[in-house]
Amino acid sequence: MWALGGQFISELNYDPLLRKRSVDRVLREMIRYGGPVLRHADEEEQASFNTTCEMFRRFLGKTAR
């Protein structure tokens, strides 16, 4: 989750237009197909991160009802 938060903040810094959109929408788009690509992760770390993002996406889907 820490890595996802860092990526989220980085995306907001690199793309000022994202700052005008809702946090929920930007976050859901980031984790729609796993997670964003981590800059300093190897293949195993990226796979683990993607799994965590997928689990978080499912959790958000269940709590939104």
PDB file of N, CA and C in Angstrom:
ATOM      1  N   MET A   1       0.828  -1.184   0.000  1.00  0.00           N
ATOM      2  CA  MET A   1       0.000   0.000   0.000  1.00  0.00           C
ATOM      3  C   MET A   1       0.874   1.251   0.000  1.00  0.00           C
ATOM      4  N   TRP A   2       2.005   1.157   0.689  1.00  0.00           N
ATOM      5  CA  TRP A   2       2.936   2.282   0.719  1.00  0.00           C
ATOM      6  C   TRP A   2       3.418   2.600  -0.702  1.00  0.00           C
ATOM      7  N   ALA A   3       3.748   1.568  -1.466  1.00  0.00           N
ATOM      8  CA  ALA A   3       4.227   1.768  -2.837  1.00  0.00           C
ATOM      9  C   ALA A   3       3.131   2.371  -3.708  1.00  0.00           C
ATOM     10  N   LEU A   4       1.898   1.925  -3.526  1.00  0.00           N
ATOM     11  CA  LEU A   4       0.784   2.476  -4.294  1.00  0.00           C
ATOM     12  C   LEU A   4       0.590   3.957  -3.967  1.00  0.00           C
ATOM     13  N   GLY A   5       0.681   4.309  -2.707  1.00  0.00           N
ATOM     14  CA  GLY A   5       0.565   5.716  -2.315  1.00  0.00           C
ATOM     15  C   GLY A   5       1.654   6.566  -2.936  1.00  0.00           C
ATOM     16  N   GLY A   6       2.875   6.042  -2.963  1.00  0.00           N
ATOM     17  CA  GLY A   6       3.982   6.762  -3.582  1.00  0.00           C
ATOM     18  C   GLY A   6       3.770   6.962  -5.069  1.00  0.00           C
ATOM     19  N   GLN A   7       3.296   5.915  -5.741  1.00  0.00           N
ATOM     20  CA  GLN A   7       3.017   6.019  -7.172  1.00  0.00           C
ATOM     21  C   GLN A   7       1.893   7.018  -7.434  1.00  0.00           C
ATOM     22  N   PHE A   8       0.888   7.008  -6.574  1.00  0.00           N
ATOM     23  CA  PHE A   8      -0.237   7.922  -6.706  1.00  0.00           C
ATOM     24  C   PHE A   8       0.251   9.373  -6.619  1.00  0.00           C
ATOM     25  N   ILE A   9       1.061   9.663  -5.623  1.00  0.00           N
ATOM     26  CA  ILE A   9       1.597  11.014  -5.455  1.00  0.00           C
ATOM     27  C   ILE A   9       2.480  11.397  -6.640  1.00  0.00           C
ATOM     28  N   SER A  10       3.304  10.473  -7.110  1.00  0.00           N
ATOM     29  CA  SER A  10       4.161  10.754  -8.267  1.00  0.00           C
ATOM     30  C   SER A  10       3.329  11.084  -9.497  1.00  0.00           C
ATOM     31  N   GLU A  11       2.283  10.311  -9.730  1.00  0.00           N
ATOM     32  CA  GLU A  11       1.414  10.568 -10.885  1.00  0.00           C
ATOM     33  C   GLU A  11       0.793  11.954 -10.797  1.00  0.00           C
ATOM     34  N   LEU A  12       0.357  12.346  -9.606  1.00  0.00           N
ATOM     35  CA  LEU A  12      -0.224  13.683  -9.439  1.00  0.00           C
ATOM     36  C   LEU A  12       0.804  14.781  -9.711  1.00  0.00           C
ATOM     37  N   ASN A  13       2.052  14.528  -9.329  1.00  0.00           N
ATOM     38  CA  ASN A  13       3.106  15.515  -9.567  1.00  0.00           C
ATOM     39  C   ASN A  13       3.463  15.621 -11.042  1.00  0.00           C
ATOM     40  N   TYR A  14       3.448  14.491 -11.757  1.00  0.00           N
ATOM     41  CA  TYR A  14       3.831  14.491 -13.171  1.00  0.00           C
ATOM     42  C   TYR A  14       2.703  14.953 -14.085  1.00  0.00           C
ATOM     43  N   ASP A  15       1.460  14.807 -13.645  1.00  0.00           N
ATOM     44  CA  ASP A  15       0.316  15.166 -14.483  1.00  0.00           C
ATOM     45  C   ASP A  15      -0.631  16.071 -13.703  1.00  0.00           C
ATOM     46  N   PRO A  16      -0.440  17.382 -13.782  1.00  0.00           N
ATOM     47  CA  PRO A  16      -1.267  18.315 -13.008  1.00  0.00           C
ATOM     48  C   PRO A  16      -2.768  18.194 -13.306  1.00  0.00           C
ATOM     49  N   LEU A  17      -3.140  17.711 -14.482  1.00  0.00           N
ATOM     50  CA  LEU A  17      -4.561  17.553 -14.803  1.00  0.00           C
ATOM     51  C   LEU A  17      -5.242  16.526 -13.901  1.00  0.00           C
ATOM     52  N   LEU A  18      -4.468  15.564 -13.401  1.00  0.00           N
ATOM     53  CA  LEU A  18      -5.038  14.561 -12.493  1.00  0.00           C
ATOM     54  C   LEU A  18      -5.501  15.186 -11.184  1.00  0.00           C
ATOM     55  N   ARG A  19      -4.886  16.285 -10.811  1.00  0.00           N
ATOM     56  CA  ARG A  19      -5.240  16.945  -9.543  1.00  0.00           C
ATOM     57  C   ARG A  19      -6.665  17.492  -9.554  1.00  0.00           C
ATOM     58  N   LYS A  20      -7.212  17.692 -10.744  1.00  0.00           N
ATOM     59  CA  LYS A  20      -8.572  18.226 -10.858  1.00  0.00           C
ATOM     60  C   LYS A  20      -9.625  17.123 -10.816  1.00  0.00           C
ATOM     61  N   ARG A  21      -9.211  15.874 -10.908  1.00  0.00           N
ATOM     62  CA  ARG A  21     -10.140  14.747 -10.888  1.00  0.00           C
ATOM     63  C   ARG A  21     -10.282  14.219  -9.471  1.00  0.00           C
ATOM     64  N   SER A  22     -11.324  13.471  -9.228  1.00  0.00           N
ATOM     65  CA  SER A  22     -11.535  12.939  -7.879  1.00  0.00           C
ATOM     66  C   SER A  22     -10.475  11.889  -7.553  1.00  0.00           C
ATOM     67  N   VAL A  23     -10.084  11.855  -6.306  1.00  0.00           N
ATOM     68  CA  VAL A  23      -9.084  10.894  -5.831  1.00  0.00           C
ATOM     69  C   VAL A  23      -9.555   9.474  -6.100  1.00  0.00           C
ATOM     70  N   ASP A  24     -10.817   9.210  -5.820  1.00  0.00           N
ATOM     71  CA  ASP A  24     -11.373   7.875  -6.013  1.00  0.00           C
ATOM     72  C   ASP A  24     -11.242   7.422  -7.465  1.00  0.00           C
ATOM     73  N   ARG A  25     -11.571   8.300  -8.389  1.00  0.00           N
ATOM     74  CA  ARG A  25     -11.508   7.950  -9.811  1.00  0.00           C
ATOM     75  C   ARG A  25     -10.076   7.678 -10.267  1.00  0.00           C
ATOM     76  N   VAL A  26      -9.149   8.537  -9.876  1.00  0.00           N
ATOM     77  CA  VAL A  26      -7.745   8.364 -10.270  1.00  0.00           C
ATOM     78  C   VAL A  26      -7.197   7.066  -9.690  1.00  0.00           C
ATOM     79  N   LEU A  27      -7.480   6.805  -8.430  1.00  0.00           N
ATOM     80  CA  LEU A  27      -6.988   5.592  -7.788  1.00  0.00           C
ATOM     81  C   LEU A  27      -7.557   4.342  -8.457  1.00  0.00           C
ATOM     82  N   ARG A  28      -8.846   4.337  -8.712  1.00  0.00           N
ATOM     83  CA  ARG A  28      -9.469   3.172  -9.361  1.00  0.00           C
ATOM     84  C   ARG A  28      -8.904   2.928 -10.757  1.00  0.00           C
ATOM     85  N   GLU A  29      -8.616   3.982 -11.483  1.00  0.00           N
ATOM     86  CA  GLU A  29      -8.017   3.823 -12.808  1.00  0.00           C
ATOM     87  C   GLU A  29      -6.593   3.279 -12.712  1.00  0.00           C
ATOM     88  N   MET A  30      -5.871   3.693 -11.690  1.00  0.00           N
ATOM     89  CA  MET A  30      -4.496   3.206 -11.511  1.00  0.00           C
ATOM     90  C   MET A  30      -4.452   1.707 -11.248  1.00  0.00           C
ATOM     91  N   ILE A  31      -5.450   1.187 -10.544  1.00  0.00           N
ATOM     92  CA  ILE A  31      -5.414  -0.224 -10.146  1.00  0.00           C
ATOM     93  C   ILE A  31      -6.380  -1.090 -10.956  1.00  0.00           C
ATOM     94  N   ARG A  32      -6.926  -0.554 -12.024  1.00  0.00           N
ATOM     95  CA  ARG A  32      -7.894  -1.292 -12.838  1.00  0.00           C
ATOM     96  C   ARG A  32      -7.332  -2.611 -13.356  1.00  0.00           C
ATOM     97  N   TYR A  33      -6.101  -2.623 -13.815  1.00  0.00           N
ATOM     98  CA  TYR A  33      -5.485  -3.823 -14.396  1.00  0.00           C
ATOM     99  C   TYR A  33      -4.250  -4.246 -13.614  1.00  0.00           C
ATOM    100  N   GLY A  34      -4.353  -4.307 -12.321  1.00  0.00           N
ATOM    101  CA  GLY A  34      -3.191  -4.571 -11.472  1.00  0.00           C
ATOM    102  C   GLY A  34      -2.747  -3.245 -10.902  1.00  0.00           C
ATOM    103  N   GLY A  35      -1.476  -2.994 -10.929  1.00  0.00           N
ATOM    104  CA  GLY A  35      -0.974  -1.733 -10.406  1.00  0.00           C
ATOM    105  C   GLY A  35      -0.110  -1.039 -11.426  1.00  0.00           C
ATOM    106  N   PRO A  36       0.232   0.219 -11.162  1.00  0.00           N
ATOM    107  CA  PRO A  36       1.148   0.914 -12.069  1.00  0.00           C
ATOM    108  C   PRO A  36       2.530   0.274 -12.016  1.00  0.00           C
ATOM    109  N   VAL A  37       3.307   0.498 -13.045  1.00  0.00           N
ATOM    110  CA  VAL A  37       4.657  -0.065 -13.104  1.00  0.00           C
ATOM    111  C   VAL A  37       5.539   0.672 -12.099  1.00  0.00           C
ATOM    112  N   LEU A  38       6.176  -0.087 -11.229  1.00  0.00           N
ATOM    113  CA  LEU A  38       7.097   0.486 -10.245  1.00  0.00           C
ATOM    114  C   LEU A  38       8.446   0.719 -10.904  1.00  0.00           C
ATOM    115  N   ARG A  39       9.048   1.834 -10.633  1.00  0.00           N
ATOM    116  CA  ARG A  39      10.309   2.192 -11.294  1.00  0.00           C
ATOM    117  C   ARG A  39      11.493   1.342 -10.845  1.00  0.00           C
ATOM    118  N   HIS A  40      11.533   0.986  -9.582  1.00  0.00           N
ATOM    119  CA  HIS A  40      12.714   0.313  -9.049  1.00  0.00           C
ATOM    120  C   HIS A  40      12.381  -1.083  -8.530  1.00  0.00           C
ATOM    121  N   ALA A  41      11.503  -1.790  -9.226  1.00  0.00           N
ATOM    122  CA  ALA A  41      11.108  -3.124  -8.773  1.00  0.00           C
ATOM    123  C   ALA A  41      11.536  -4.164  -9.790  1.00  0.00           C
ATOM    124  N   ASP A  42      11.905  -5.331  -9.270  1.00  0.00           N
ATOM    125  CA  ASP A  42      12.187  -6.427 -10.187  1.00  0.00           C
ATOM    126  C   ASP A  42      10.861  -7.121 -10.521  1.00  0.00           C
ATOM    127  N   GLU A  43      10.924  -8.148 -11.329  1.00  0.00           N
ATOM    128  CA  GLU A  43       9.718  -8.830 -11.799  1.00  0.00           C
ATOM    129  C   GLU A  43       8.889  -9.422 -10.659  1.00  0.00           C
ATOM    130  N   GLU A  44       9.555 -10.003  -9.688  1.00  0.00           N
ATOM    131  CA  GLU A  44       8.860 -10.609  -8.550  1.00  0.00           C
ATOM    132  C   GLU A  44       8.171  -9.551  -7.686  1.00  0.00           C
ATOM    133  N   GLU A  45       8.855  -8.453  -7.437  1.00  0.00           N
ATOM    134  CA  GLU A  45       8.263  -7.368  -6.649  1.00  0.00           C
ATOM    135  C   GLU A  45       7.065  -6.748  -7.375  1.00  0.00           C
ATOM    136  N   GLN A  46       7.190  -6.604  -8.697  1.00  0.00           N
ATOM    137  CA  GLN A  46       6.087  -6.043  -9.477  1.00  0.00           C
ATOM    138  C   GLN A  46       4.878  -6.967  -9.441  1.00  0.00           C
ATOM    139  N   ALA A  47       5.116  -8.265  -9.541  1.00  0.00           N
ATOM    140  CA  ALA A  47       4.020  -9.237  -9.492  1.00  0.00           C
ATOM    141  C   ALA A  47       3.316  -9.187  -8.140  1.00  0.00           C
ATOM    142  N   SER A  48       4.075  -9.094  -7.076  1.00  0.00           N
ATOM    143  CA  SER A  48       3.501  -9.001  -5.738  1.00  0.00           C
ATOM    144  C   SER A  48       2.693  -7.720  -5.585  1.00  0.00           C
ATOM    145  N   PHE A  49       3.228  -6.621  -6.093  1.00  0.00           N
ATOM    146  CA  PHE A  49       2.539  -5.332  -6.049  1.00  0.00           C
ATOM    147  C   PHE A  49       1.230  -5.397  -6.826  1.00  0.00           C
ATOM    148  N   ASN A  50       1.262  -5.997  -8.013  1.00  0.00           N
ATOM    149  CA  ASN A  50       0.055  -6.124  -8.826  1.00  0.00           C
ATOM    150  C   ASN A  50      -1.008  -6.944  -8.100  1.00  0.00           C
ATOM    151  N   THR A  51      -0.598  -7.999  -7.415  1.00  0.00           N
ATOM    152  CA  THR A  51      -1.535  -8.825  -6.646  1.00  0.00           C
ATOM    153  C   THR A  51      -2.169  -8.008  -5.528  1.00  0.00           C
ATOM    154  N   THR A  52      -1.367  -7.232  -4.832  1.00  0.00           N
ATOM    155  CA  THR A  52      -1.893  -6.377  -3.762  1.00  0.00           C
ATOM    156  C   THR A  52      -2.883  -5.362  -4.318  1.00  0.00           C
ATOM    157  N   CYS A  53      -2.555  -4.753  -5.441  1.00  0.00           N
ATOM    158  CA  CYS A  53      -3.456  -3.776  -6.058  1.00  0.00           C
ATOM    159  C   CYS A  53      -4.761  -4.438  -6.489  1.00  0.00           C
ATOM    160  N   GLU A  54      -4.686  -5.647  -7.010  1.00  0.00           N
ATOM    161  CA  GLU A  54      -5.888  -6.382  -7.406  1.00  0.00           C
ATOM    162  C   GLU A  54      -6.763  -6.685  -6.195  1.00  0.00           C
ATOM    163  N   MET A  55      -6.154  -7.097  -5.111  1.00  0.00           N
ATOM    164  CA  MET A  55      -6.909  -7.357  -3.885  1.00  0.00           C
ATOM    165  C   MET A  55      -7.559  -6.073  -3.368  1.00  0.00           C
ATOM    166  N   PHE A  56      -6.857  -4.969  -3.439  1.00  0.00           N
ATOM    167  CA  PHE A  56      -7.393  -3.682  -3.006  1.00  0.00           C
ATOM    168  C   PHE A  56      -8.564  -3.262  -3.894  1.00  0.00           C
ATOM    169  N   ARG A  57      -8.432  -3.492  -5.213  1.00  0.00           N
ATOM    170  CA  ARG A  57      -9.510  -3.161  -6.148  1.00  0.00           C
ATOM    171  C   ARG A  57     -10.774  -3.952  -5.805  1.00  0.00           C
ATOM    172  N   ARG A  58     -10.616  -5.234  -5.521  1.00  0.00           N
ATOM    173  CA  ARG A  58     -11.776  -6.056  -5.137  1.00  0.00           C
ATOM    174  C   ARG A  58     -12.376  -5.569  -3.819  1.00  0.00           C
ATOM    175  N   PHE A  59     -11.522  -5.192  -2.867  1.00  0.00           N
ATOM    176  CA  PHE A  59     -12.011  -4.670  -1.592  1.00  0.00           C
ATOM    177  C   PHE A  59     -12.828  -3.400  -1.806  1.00  0.00           C
ATOM    178  N   LEU A  60     -12.327  -2.496  -2.637  1.00  0.00           N
ATOM    179  CA  LEU A  60     -13.054  -1.263  -2.911  1.00  0.00           C
ATOM    180  C   LEU A  60     -14.395  -1.552  -3.574  1.00  0.00           C
ATOM    181  N   GLY A  61     -14.430  -2.556  -4.433  1.00  0.00           N
ATOM    182  CA  GLY A  61     -15.675  -2.929  -5.089  1.00  0.00           C
ATOM    183  C   GLY A  61     -16.712  -3.449  -4.111  1.00  0.00           C
ATOM    184  N   LYS A  62     -16.270  -4.189  -3.107  1.00  0.00           N
ATOM    185  CA  LYS A  62     -17.181  -4.737  -2.110  1.00  0.00           C
ATOM    186  C   LYS A  62     -17.693  -3.667  -1.153  1.00  0.00           C
ATOM    187  N   THR A  63     -16.853  -2.706  -0.806  1.00  0.00           N
ATOM    188  CA  THR A  63     -17.245  -1.682   0.165  1.00  0.00           C
ATOM    189  C   THR A  63     -18.068  -0.567  -0.467  1.00  0.00           C
ATOM    190  N   ALA A  64     -18.069  -0.489  -1.803  1.00  0.00           N
ATOM    191  CA  ALA A  64     -18.803   0.579  -2.491  1.00  0.00           C
ATOM    192  C   ALA A  64     -20.300   0.290  -2.548  1.00  0.00           C
ATOM    193  N   ARG A  65     -20.711  -0.914  -2.271  1.00  0.00           N
ATOM    194  CA  ARG A  65     -22.132  -1.294  -2.397  1.00  0.00           C
ATOM    195  C   ARG A  65     -22.952  -0.822  -1.272  1.00  0.00           C
TER     196      ARG A  65
END
